[in-house]
Amino acid sequence: MPLMGHLPRGIRVRIQYDRVIRWYRRYQEHYSGMTHGKSIDEDCDDVLVFFIFCHQLKDWLVKDTEIPRHDVEKFINENECLSICADIANGIKHLGIDEGRTSRSGQDLRMHAGIYISGDKLSEVGLRMYISKHDGTQIEAFQIATECVEKWTEFLTKSSII
């Protein structure tokens, strides 16, 4: 990898975005059951790393472009998937959060993981992680990840970064 400090502005954001996409693809593999031989803990770690890198993209945007932090924060707060991603990432990094983005809207997020087996074939096993909201509803974490990738792609395209 080239020295990051010597790259033109905007290129480093693209490098981080590409990293997010690579981790998303790993998540897709876990979700679809294409990966085998690792423990569920290692699989869950891969998923959590996606959320950390996905949320950290905001810091790269602020440091590597002329886009003001306020605009990036506003974009995250206006999109539930990115707010959930932020709370997951910050919760992982800081052993929980006192007041996250989603708690401001009355939500209390909890994550739990499980193995999904399609039919009776062990070869069709996929990792499922769910986010439980305060109201008892659950969202599949992969759905949130997919929406996050879509939103960041939309934002970076509108900003002429990708």
N, C-alpha and C. Protein backbone atom coordinates (compact mmCIF):
# COMPACT_ATOMS: atom_id res chain seq x y z
N MET A 1 0.84 -1.17 0.00
CA MET A 1 0.00 0.00 0.00
C MET A 1 0.89 1.24 0.00
N PRO A 2 0.61 2.22 -0.86
CA PRO A 2 1.42 3.44 -0.88
C PRO A 2 1.23 4.23 0.41
N LEU A 3 2.19 5.08 0.70
CA LEU A 3 2.05 5.93 1.87
C LEU A 3 0.82 6.81 1.70
N MET A 4 -0.06 6.76 2.66
CA MET A 4 -1.33 7.46 2.55
C MET A 4 -1.17 8.97 2.48
N GLY A 5 -0.17 9.51 3.14
CA GLY A 5 0.01 10.96 3.17
C GLY A 5 0.42 11.55 1.83
N HIS A 6 0.90 10.75 0.92
CA HIS A 6 1.39 11.25 -0.35
C HIS A 6 0.37 11.09 -1.48
N LEU A 7 -0.83 10.75 -1.17
CA LEU A 7 -1.87 10.57 -2.18
C LEU A 7 -2.69 11.85 -2.31
N PRO A 8 -3.20 12.13 -3.49
CA PRO A 8 -4.06 13.31 -3.66
C PRO A 8 -5.31 13.20 -2.81
N ARG A 9 -5.85 14.36 -2.41
CA ARG A 9 -7.10 14.38 -1.62
C ARG A 9 -8.19 13.63 -2.37
N GLY A 10 -9.01 12.91 -1.61
CA GLY A 10 -10.11 12.16 -2.17
C GLY A 10 -9.78 10.72 -2.49
N ILE A 11 -8.51 10.46 -2.78
CA ILE A 11 -8.10 9.09 -3.12
C ILE A 11 -8.15 8.20 -1.88
N ARG A 12 -7.76 8.74 -0.74
CA ARG A 12 -7.76 7.93 0.49
C ARG A 12 -9.17 7.49 0.87
N VAL A 13 -10.17 8.36 0.62
CA VAL A 13 -11.56 7.98 0.88
C VAL A 13 -11.93 6.80 0.00
N ARG A 14 -11.51 6.84 -1.24
CA ARG A 14 -11.80 5.75 -2.17
C ARG A 14 -11.16 4.45 -1.68
N ILE A 15 -9.95 4.53 -1.14
CA ILE A 15 -9.27 3.35 -0.60
C ILE A 15 -10.08 2.78 0.57
N GLN A 16 -10.57 3.65 1.44
CA GLN A 16 -11.37 3.18 2.58
C GLN A 16 -12.71 2.62 2.11
N TYR A 17 -13.33 3.27 1.14
CA TYR A 17 -14.59 2.77 0.58
C TYR A 17 -14.38 1.37 0.00
N ASP A 18 -13.32 1.18 -0.75
CA ASP A 18 -13.01 -0.14 -1.32
C ASP A 18 -12.82 -1.18 -0.21
N ARG A 19 -12.21 -0.76 0.89
CA ARG A 19 -12.02 -1.66 2.04
C ARG A 19 -13.38 -2.05 2.61
N VAL A 20 -14.29 -1.10 2.74
CA VAL A 20 -15.65 -1.38 3.22
C VAL A 20 -16.32 -2.42 2.32
N ILE A 21 -16.18 -2.23 1.01
CA ILE A 21 -16.78 -3.16 0.05
C ILE A 21 -16.18 -4.56 0.21
N ARG A 22 -14.87 -4.65 0.41
CA ARG A 22 -14.25 -5.98 0.60
C ARG A 22 -14.80 -6.66 1.86
N TRP A 23 -14.94 -5.91 2.94
CA TRP A 23 -15.48 -6.49 4.16
C TRP A 23 -16.96 -6.83 3.99
N TYR A 24 -17.70 -6.06 3.22
CA TYR A 24 -19.09 -6.38 2.93
C TYR A 24 -19.18 -7.71 2.17
N ARG A 25 -18.29 -7.90 1.22
CA ARG A 25 -18.28 -9.16 0.46
C ARG A 25 -17.98 -10.35 1.36
N ARG A 26 -17.09 -10.15 2.33
CA ARG A 26 -16.83 -11.23 3.30
C ARG A 26 -18.10 -11.53 4.09
N TYR A 27 -18.80 -10.47 4.47
CA TYR A 27 -20.06 -10.66 5.19
C TYR A 27 -21.04 -11.43 4.31
N GLN A 28 -21.12 -11.09 3.04
CA GLN A 28 -21.99 -11.82 2.12
C GLN A 28 -21.65 -13.31 2.11
N GLU A 29 -20.37 -13.62 2.12
CA GLU A 29 -19.94 -15.03 2.12
C GLU A 29 -20.41 -15.73 3.39
N HIS A 30 -20.26 -15.08 4.53
CA HIS A 30 -20.73 -15.67 5.79
C HIS A 30 -22.24 -15.84 5.76
N TYR A 31 -22.92 -14.84 5.27
CA TYR A 31 -24.37 -14.83 5.22
C TYR A 31 -24.91 -15.96 4.34
N SER A 32 -24.24 -16.18 3.23
CA SER A 32 -24.71 -17.20 2.28
C SER A 32 -24.18 -18.59 2.58
N GLY A 33 -23.31 -18.70 3.57
CA GLY A 33 -22.77 -20.00 3.94
C GLY A 33 -21.61 -20.45 3.07
N MET A 34 -20.97 -19.50 2.38
CA MET A 34 -19.86 -19.86 1.48
C MET A 34 -18.55 -20.05 2.22
N THR A 35 -18.46 -19.65 3.47
CA THR A 35 -17.23 -19.83 4.23
C THR A 35 -17.42 -20.98 5.21
N HIS A 36 -16.38 -21.74 5.39
CA HIS A 36 -16.43 -22.90 6.28
C HIS A 36 -15.11 -23.02 7.01
N GLY A 37 -15.15 -23.72 8.12
CA GLY A 37 -13.92 -24.05 8.82
C GLY A 37 -13.52 -23.06 9.89
N LYS A 38 -14.25 -21.99 10.06
CA LYS A 38 -13.95 -21.05 11.12
C LYS A 38 -15.00 -21.18 12.21
N SER A 39 -14.70 -20.68 13.36
CA SER A 39 -15.68 -20.72 14.45
C SER A 39 -16.71 -19.61 14.25
N ILE A 40 -17.84 -19.73 14.92
CA ILE A 40 -18.86 -18.69 14.82
C ILE A 40 -18.32 -17.38 15.39
N ASP A 41 -17.44 -17.46 16.38
CA ASP A 41 -16.85 -16.25 16.94
C ASP A 41 -16.02 -15.51 15.89
N GLU A 42 -15.23 -16.25 15.12
CA GLU A 42 -14.43 -15.63 14.06
C GLU A 42 -15.33 -15.06 12.96
N ASP A 43 -16.38 -15.77 12.63
CA ASP A 43 -17.33 -15.26 11.64
C ASP A 43 -17.98 -13.97 12.12
N CYS A 44 -18.39 -13.96 13.38
CA CYS A 44 -19.00 -12.74 13.95
C CYS A 44 -18.00 -11.59 13.97
N ASP A 45 -16.75 -11.89 14.27
CA ASP A 45 -15.71 -10.84 14.25
C ASP A 45 -15.63 -10.20 12.87
N ASP A 46 -15.68 -11.00 11.83
CA ASP A 46 -15.63 -10.46 10.46
C ASP A 46 -16.80 -9.51 10.20
N VAL A 47 -17.96 -9.87 10.69
CA VAL A 47 -19.14 -9.03 10.51
C VAL A 47 -18.98 -7.72 11.27
N LEU A 48 -18.50 -7.80 12.50
CA LEU A 48 -18.34 -6.60 13.31
C LEU A 48 -17.28 -5.68 12.73
N VAL A 49 -16.24 -6.25 12.13
CA VAL A 49 -15.21 -5.43 11.47
C VAL A 49 -15.84 -4.65 10.32
N PHE A 50 -16.77 -5.27 9.59
CA PHE A 50 -17.45 -4.53 8.53
C PHE A 50 -18.09 -3.26 9.10
N PHE A 51 -18.83 -3.39 10.19
CA PHE A 51 -19.53 -2.23 10.74
C PHE A 51 -18.54 -1.16 11.23
N ILE A 52 -17.42 -1.58 11.79
CA ILE A 52 -16.42 -0.60 12.24
C ILE A 52 -15.86 0.16 11.04
N PHE A 53 -15.41 -0.55 10.00
CA PHE A 53 -14.85 0.12 8.83
C PHE A 53 -15.90 0.96 8.12
N CYS A 54 -17.12 0.47 8.06
CA CYS A 54 -18.19 1.21 7.39
C CYS A 54 -18.43 2.54 8.10
N HIS A 55 -18.46 2.52 9.41
CA HIS A 55 -18.67 3.77 10.15
C HIS A 55 -17.45 4.68 10.07
N GLN A 56 -16.26 4.11 10.09
CA GLN A 56 -15.05 4.94 10.02
C GLN A 56 -14.91 5.68 8.70
N LEU A 57 -15.64 5.28 7.71
CA LEU A 57 -15.61 5.98 6.43
C LEU A 57 -15.92 7.46 6.61
N LYS A 58 -16.75 7.79 7.58
CA LYS A 58 -17.08 9.20 7.83
C LYS A 58 -15.84 10.00 8.22
N ASP A 59 -14.97 9.42 9.03
CA ASP A 59 -13.76 10.14 9.44
C ASP A 59 -12.83 10.37 8.25
N TRP A 60 -12.75 9.39 7.37
CA TRP A 60 -11.92 9.53 6.18
C TRP A 60 -12.49 10.62 5.27
N LEU A 61 -13.80 10.68 5.17
CA LEU A 61 -14.43 11.72 4.35
C LEU A 61 -14.08 13.12 4.85
N VAL A 62 -14.20 13.29 6.15
CA VAL A 62 -13.94 14.60 6.74
C VAL A 62 -12.47 14.99 6.60
N LYS A 63 -11.56 14.05 6.77
CA LYS A 63 -10.12 14.37 6.72
C LYS A 63 -9.58 14.44 5.30
N ASP A 64 -10.24 13.79 4.35
CA ASP A 64 -9.66 13.66 3.01
C ASP A 64 -10.40 14.46 1.94
N THR A 65 -11.49 15.12 2.31
CA THR A 65 -12.24 15.91 1.33
C THR A 65 -12.58 17.27 1.92
N GLU A 66 -13.24 18.06 1.15
CA GLU A 66 -13.71 19.38 1.61
C GLU A 66 -15.12 19.30 2.19
N ILE A 67 -15.67 18.11 2.30
CA ILE A 67 -17.03 17.96 2.82
C ILE A 67 -17.00 18.23 4.33
N PRO A 68 -17.79 19.19 4.80
CA PRO A 68 -17.79 19.52 6.23
C PRO A 68 -18.32 18.37 7.09
N ARG A 69 -17.74 18.24 8.28
CA ARG A 69 -18.15 17.20 9.23
C ARG A 69 -19.66 17.28 9.47
N HIS A 70 -20.19 18.48 9.59
CA HIS A 70 -21.62 18.65 9.84
C HIS A 70 -22.46 17.96 8.76
N ASP A 71 -22.06 18.10 7.51
CA ASP A 71 -22.82 17.48 6.42
C ASP A 71 -22.75 15.95 6.48
N VAL A 72 -21.59 15.43 6.84
CA VAL A 72 -21.44 13.98 6.93
C VAL A 72 -22.26 13.45 8.11
N GLU A 73 -22.18 14.12 9.25
CA GLU A 73 -22.95 13.71 10.43
C GLU A 73 -24.45 13.79 10.16
N LYS A 74 -24.88 14.82 9.46
CA LYS A 74 -26.29 14.98 9.11
C LYS A 74 -26.74 13.82 8.23
N PHE A 75 -25.92 13.46 7.26
CA PHE A 75 -26.25 12.35 6.37
C PHE A 75 -26.40 11.05 7.17
N ILE A 76 -25.50 10.80 8.10
CA ILE A 76 -25.58 9.59 8.93
C ILE A 76 -26.85 9.61 9.78
N ASN A 77 -27.12 10.74 10.41
CA ASN A 77 -28.29 10.83 11.29
C ASN A 77 -29.61 10.73 10.53
N GLU A 78 -29.62 11.10 9.27
CA GLU A 78 -30.84 11.03 8.46
C GLU A 78 -31.11 9.63 7.90
N ASN A 79 -30.16 8.74 8.02
CA ASN A 79 -30.30 7.39 7.48
C ASN A 79 -30.19 6.38 8.62
N GLU A 80 -31.31 5.73 8.92
CA GLU A 80 -31.36 4.80 10.05
C GLU A 80 -30.26 3.75 9.98
N CYS A 81 -30.01 3.21 8.78
CA CYS A 81 -29.00 2.15 8.67
C CYS A 81 -27.62 2.65 9.11
N LEU A 82 -27.27 3.88 8.72
CA LEU A 82 -25.96 4.42 9.10
C LEU A 82 -25.91 4.79 10.58
N SER A 83 -27.04 5.19 11.15
CA SER A 83 -27.10 5.46 12.59
C SER A 83 -26.92 4.17 13.38
N ILE A 84 -27.57 3.11 12.92
CA ILE A 84 -27.40 1.81 13.57
C ILE A 84 -25.96 1.34 13.43
N CYS A 85 -25.39 1.50 12.25
CA CYS A 85 -23.99 1.13 12.02
C CYS A 85 -23.08 1.88 12.98
N ALA A 86 -23.33 3.18 13.16
CA ALA A 86 -22.52 3.99 14.08
C ALA A 86 -22.60 3.45 15.50
N ASP A 87 -23.80 3.12 15.93
CA ASP A 87 -23.96 2.60 17.29
C ASP A 87 -23.30 1.24 17.46
N ILE A 88 -23.39 0.39 16.45
CA ILE A 88 -22.72 -0.91 16.52
C ILE A 88 -21.21 -0.70 16.61
N ALA A 89 -20.67 0.11 15.71
CA ALA A 89 -19.22 0.34 15.67
C ALA A 89 -18.72 0.95 16.97
N ASN A 90 -19.39 1.97 17.45
CA ASN A 90 -18.95 2.62 18.69
C ASN A 90 -19.15 1.72 19.89
N GLY A 91 -20.21 0.93 19.89
CA GLY A 91 -20.42 -0.02 20.98
C GLY A 91 -19.34 -1.08 21.04
N ILE A 92 -18.90 -1.54 19.88
CA ILE A 92 -17.83 -2.53 19.82
C ILE A 92 -16.51 -1.92 20.31
N LYS A 93 -16.22 -0.73 19.82
CA LYS A 93 -14.94 -0.10 20.16
C LYS A 93 -14.86 0.33 21.61
N HIS A 94 -16.01 0.70 22.21
CA HIS A 94 -15.97 1.31 23.54
C HIS A 94 -16.73 0.50 24.60
N LEU A 95 -16.98 -0.80 24.33
CA LEU A 95 -17.68 -1.66 25.28
C LEU A 95 -19.03 -1.06 25.66
N GLY A 96 -19.77 -0.68 24.65
CA GLY A 96 -21.09 -0.09 24.85
C GLY A 96 -21.04 1.41 24.66
N ILE A 97 -22.20 2.00 24.60
CA ILE A 97 -22.31 3.45 24.44
C ILE A 97 -23.33 3.98 25.42
N ASP A 98 -23.06 5.18 25.96
CA ASP A 98 -23.99 5.78 26.91
C ASP A 98 -25.24 6.29 26.20
N GLU A 99 -25.04 7.05 25.14
CA GLU A 99 -26.17 7.54 24.35
C GLU A 99 -25.77 7.50 22.89
N GLY A 100 -26.33 6.55 22.20
CA GLY A 100 -26.02 6.42 20.78
C GLY A 100 -26.99 7.21 19.92
N ARG A 101 -26.74 7.18 18.65
CA ARG A 101 -27.61 7.87 17.70
C ARG A 101 -29.02 7.29 17.73
N THR A 102 -29.13 5.97 17.83
CA THR A 102 -30.44 5.35 17.79
C THR A 102 -31.18 5.50 19.11
N SER A 103 -30.46 5.60 20.23
CA SER A 103 -31.16 5.77 21.51
C SER A 103 -31.85 7.13 21.59
N ARG A 104 -31.33 8.10 20.84
CA ARG A 104 -31.99 9.41 20.79
C ARG A 104 -33.37 9.31 20.17
N SER A 105 -33.57 8.29 19.34
CA SER A 105 -34.88 8.12 18.70
C SER A 105 -35.71 7.07 19.45
N GLY A 106 -35.29 6.73 20.67
CA GLY A 106 -36.06 5.81 21.49
C GLY A 106 -35.77 4.35 21.23
N GLN A 107 -34.70 4.05 20.54
CA GLN A 107 -34.37 2.66 20.24
C GLN A 107 -33.25 2.18 21.16
N ASP A 108 -33.29 0.93 21.47
CA ASP A 108 -32.24 0.29 22.25
C ASP A 108 -31.81 -0.93 21.45
N LEU A 109 -30.60 -0.90 20.94
CA LEU A 109 -30.16 -1.98 20.04
C LEU A 109 -29.45 -3.08 20.80
N ARG A 110 -29.70 -4.30 20.40
CA ARG A 110 -29.00 -5.47 20.90
C ARG A 110 -28.70 -6.34 19.70
N MET A 111 -27.52 -6.92 19.66
CA MET A 111 -27.17 -7.82 18.56
C MET A 111 -27.05 -9.23 19.09
N HIS A 112 -27.50 -10.17 18.30
CA HIS A 112 -27.28 -11.58 18.62
C HIS A 112 -27.09 -12.34 17.33
N ALA A 113 -26.36 -13.44 17.42
CA ALA A 113 -25.99 -14.20 16.22
C ALA A 113 -26.50 -15.62 16.33
N GLY A 114 -26.63 -16.23 15.18
CA GLY A 114 -27.04 -17.63 15.13
C GLY A 114 -26.63 -18.23 13.80
N ILE A 115 -26.74 -19.51 13.72
CA ILE A 115 -26.42 -20.22 12.49
C ILE A 115 -27.74 -20.57 11.82
N TYR A 116 -27.81 -20.31 10.54
CA TYR A 116 -28.99 -20.64 9.75
C TYR A 116 -28.66 -21.86 8.91
N ILE A 117 -29.49 -22.86 8.98
CA ILE A 117 -29.31 -24.06 8.18
C ILE A 117 -30.51 -24.20 7.27
N SER A 118 -30.26 -24.26 5.98
CA SER A 118 -31.31 -24.41 5.01
C SER A 118 -31.55 -25.89 4.77
N GLY A 119 -32.76 -26.35 5.04
CA GLY A 119 -33.03 -27.78 4.88
C GLY A 119 -32.25 -28.58 5.90
N ASP A 120 -31.76 -29.71 5.50
CA ASP A 120 -30.97 -30.52 6.42
C ASP A 120 -29.53 -30.66 5.94
N LYS A 121 -29.13 -29.78 5.04
CA LYS A 121 -27.77 -29.84 4.51
C LYS A 121 -26.85 -28.93 5.31
N LEU A 122 -25.86 -29.51 5.92
CA LEU A 122 -24.90 -28.72 6.67
C LEU A 122 -24.12 -27.78 5.75
N SER A 123 -24.06 -28.11 4.47
CA SER A 123 -23.31 -27.27 3.53
C SER A 123 -24.03 -25.97 3.24
N GLU A 124 -25.29 -25.86 3.65
CA GLU A 124 -26.04 -24.63 3.40
C GLU A 124 -26.24 -23.86 4.70
N VAL A 125 -25.16 -23.66 5.39
CA VAL A 125 -25.18 -22.94 6.66
C VAL A 125 -24.73 -21.51 6.42
N GLY A 126 -25.45 -20.57 6.99
CA GLY A 126 -25.08 -19.17 6.87
C GLY A 126 -25.19 -18.48 8.22
N LEU A 127 -24.40 -17.47 8.43
CA LEU A 127 -24.42 -16.72 9.67
C LEU A 127 -25.55 -15.69 9.62
N ARG A 128 -26.35 -15.64 10.65
CA ARG A 128 -27.40 -14.64 10.76
C ARG A 128 -27.18 -13.86 12.04
N MET A 129 -27.11 -12.56 11.91
CA MET A 129 -27.03 -11.69 13.07
C MET A 129 -28.25 -10.77 13.02
N TYR A 130 -28.83 -10.56 14.17
CA TYR A 130 -30.03 -9.74 14.24
C TYR A 130 -29.81 -8.57 15.19
N ILE A 131 -30.45 -7.48 14.88
CA ILE A 131 -30.44 -6.32 15.75
C ILE A 131 -31.84 -6.20 16.31
N SER A 132 -31.95 -6.26 17.62
CA SER A 132 -33.26 -6.14 18.28
C SER A 132 -33.44 -4.69 18.72
N LYS A 133 -34.57 -4.14 18.34
CA LYS A 133 -34.90 -2.77 18.73
C LYS A 133 -35.70 -2.79 20.03
N HIS A 134 -35.80 -1.63 20.63
CA HIS A 134 -36.52 -1.47 21.89
C HIS A 134 -37.96 -1.94 21.79
N ASP A 135 -38.59 -1.74 20.64
CA ASP A 135 -40.00 -2.12 20.48
C ASP A 135 -40.19 -3.61 20.23
N GLY A 136 -39.10 -4.37 20.27
CA GLY A 136 -39.19 -5.81 20.10
C GLY A 136 -39.00 -6.29 18.67
N THR A 137 -39.01 -5.38 17.71
CA THR A 137 -38.80 -5.79 16.33
C THR A 137 -37.32 -6.12 16.11
N GLN A 138 -37.09 -6.96 15.11
CA GLN A 138 -35.73 -7.34 14.78
C GLN A 138 -35.44 -7.00 13.33
N ILE A 139 -34.22 -6.59 13.10
CA ILE A 139 -33.73 -6.32 11.75
C ILE A 139 -32.53 -7.23 11.54
N GLU A 140 -32.47 -7.85 10.40
CA GLU A 140 -31.30 -8.66 10.10
C GLU A 140 -30.12 -7.73 9.84
N ALA A 141 -29.00 -8.00 10.50
CA ALA A 141 -27.82 -7.13 10.37
C ALA A 141 -27.33 -7.05 8.94
N PHE A 142 -27.47 -8.13 8.17
CA PHE A 142 -27.04 -8.10 6.78
C PHE A 142 -27.85 -7.08 5.97
N GLN A 143 -29.13 -6.94 6.29
CA GLN A 143 -29.96 -5.93 5.64
C GLN A 143 -29.43 -4.53 5.94
N ILE A 144 -29.05 -4.30 7.19
CA ILE A 144 -28.48 -3.00 7.58
C ILE A 144 -27.17 -2.78 6.83
N ALA A 145 -26.33 -3.78 6.77
CA ALA A 145 -25.05 -3.67 6.06
C ALA A 145 -25.27 -3.32 4.60
N THR A 146 -26.22 -4.00 3.96
CA THR A 146 -26.51 -3.75 2.55
C THR A 146 -26.99 -2.32 2.34
N GLU A 147 -27.88 -1.87 3.20
CA GLU A 147 -28.38 -0.49 3.10
C GLU A 147 -27.26 0.52 3.33
N CYS A 148 -26.35 0.23 4.25
CA CYS A 148 -25.22 1.13 4.51
C CYS A 148 -24.35 1.27 3.25
N VAL A 149 -24.05 0.15 2.61
CA VAL A 149 -23.24 0.20 1.40
C VAL A 149 -23.96 1.01 0.32
N GLU A 150 -25.25 0.80 0.19
CA GLU A 150 -26.04 1.55 -0.80
C GLU A 150 -26.01 3.05 -0.51
N LYS A 151 -26.19 3.43 0.76
CA LYS A 151 -26.22 4.85 1.14
C LYS A 151 -24.85 5.51 0.93
N TRP A 152 -23.77 4.83 1.37
CA TRP A 152 -22.44 5.40 1.18
C TRP A 152 -22.13 5.53 -0.31
N THR A 153 -22.50 4.54 -1.10
CA THR A 153 -22.27 4.60 -2.54
C THR A 153 -23.01 5.79 -3.15
N GLU A 154 -24.23 5.98 -2.73
CA GLU A 154 -25.04 7.13 -3.20
C GLU A 154 -24.37 8.45 -2.81
N PHE A 155 -23.94 8.56 -1.57
CA PHE A 155 -23.32 9.80 -1.07
C PHE A 155 -22.01 10.09 -1.81
N LEU A 156 -21.17 9.08 -1.95
CA LEU A 156 -19.88 9.27 -2.60
C LEU A 156 -20.02 9.54 -4.09
N THR A 157 -21.05 8.97 -4.70
CA THR A 157 -21.31 9.24 -6.12
C THR A 157 -21.77 10.68 -6.30
N LYS A 158 -22.71 11.13 -5.46
CA LYS A 158 -23.19 12.51 -5.53
C LYS A 158 -22.06 13.51 -5.28
N SER A 159 -21.11 13.10 -4.45
CA SER A 159 -19.97 13.97 -4.11
C SER A 159 -18.83 13.84 -5.11
N SER A 160 -19.04 13.06 -6.18
CA SER A 160 -18.04 12.84 -7.23
C SER A 160 -16.74 12.22 -6.71
N ILE A 161 -16.84 11.38 -5.71
CA ILE A 161 -15.67 10.70 -5.17
C ILE A 161 -15.49 9.35 -5.84
N ILE A 162 -16.59 8.71 -6.17
CA ILE A 162 -16.50 7.44 -6.90
C ILE A 162 -17.31 7.56 -8.18
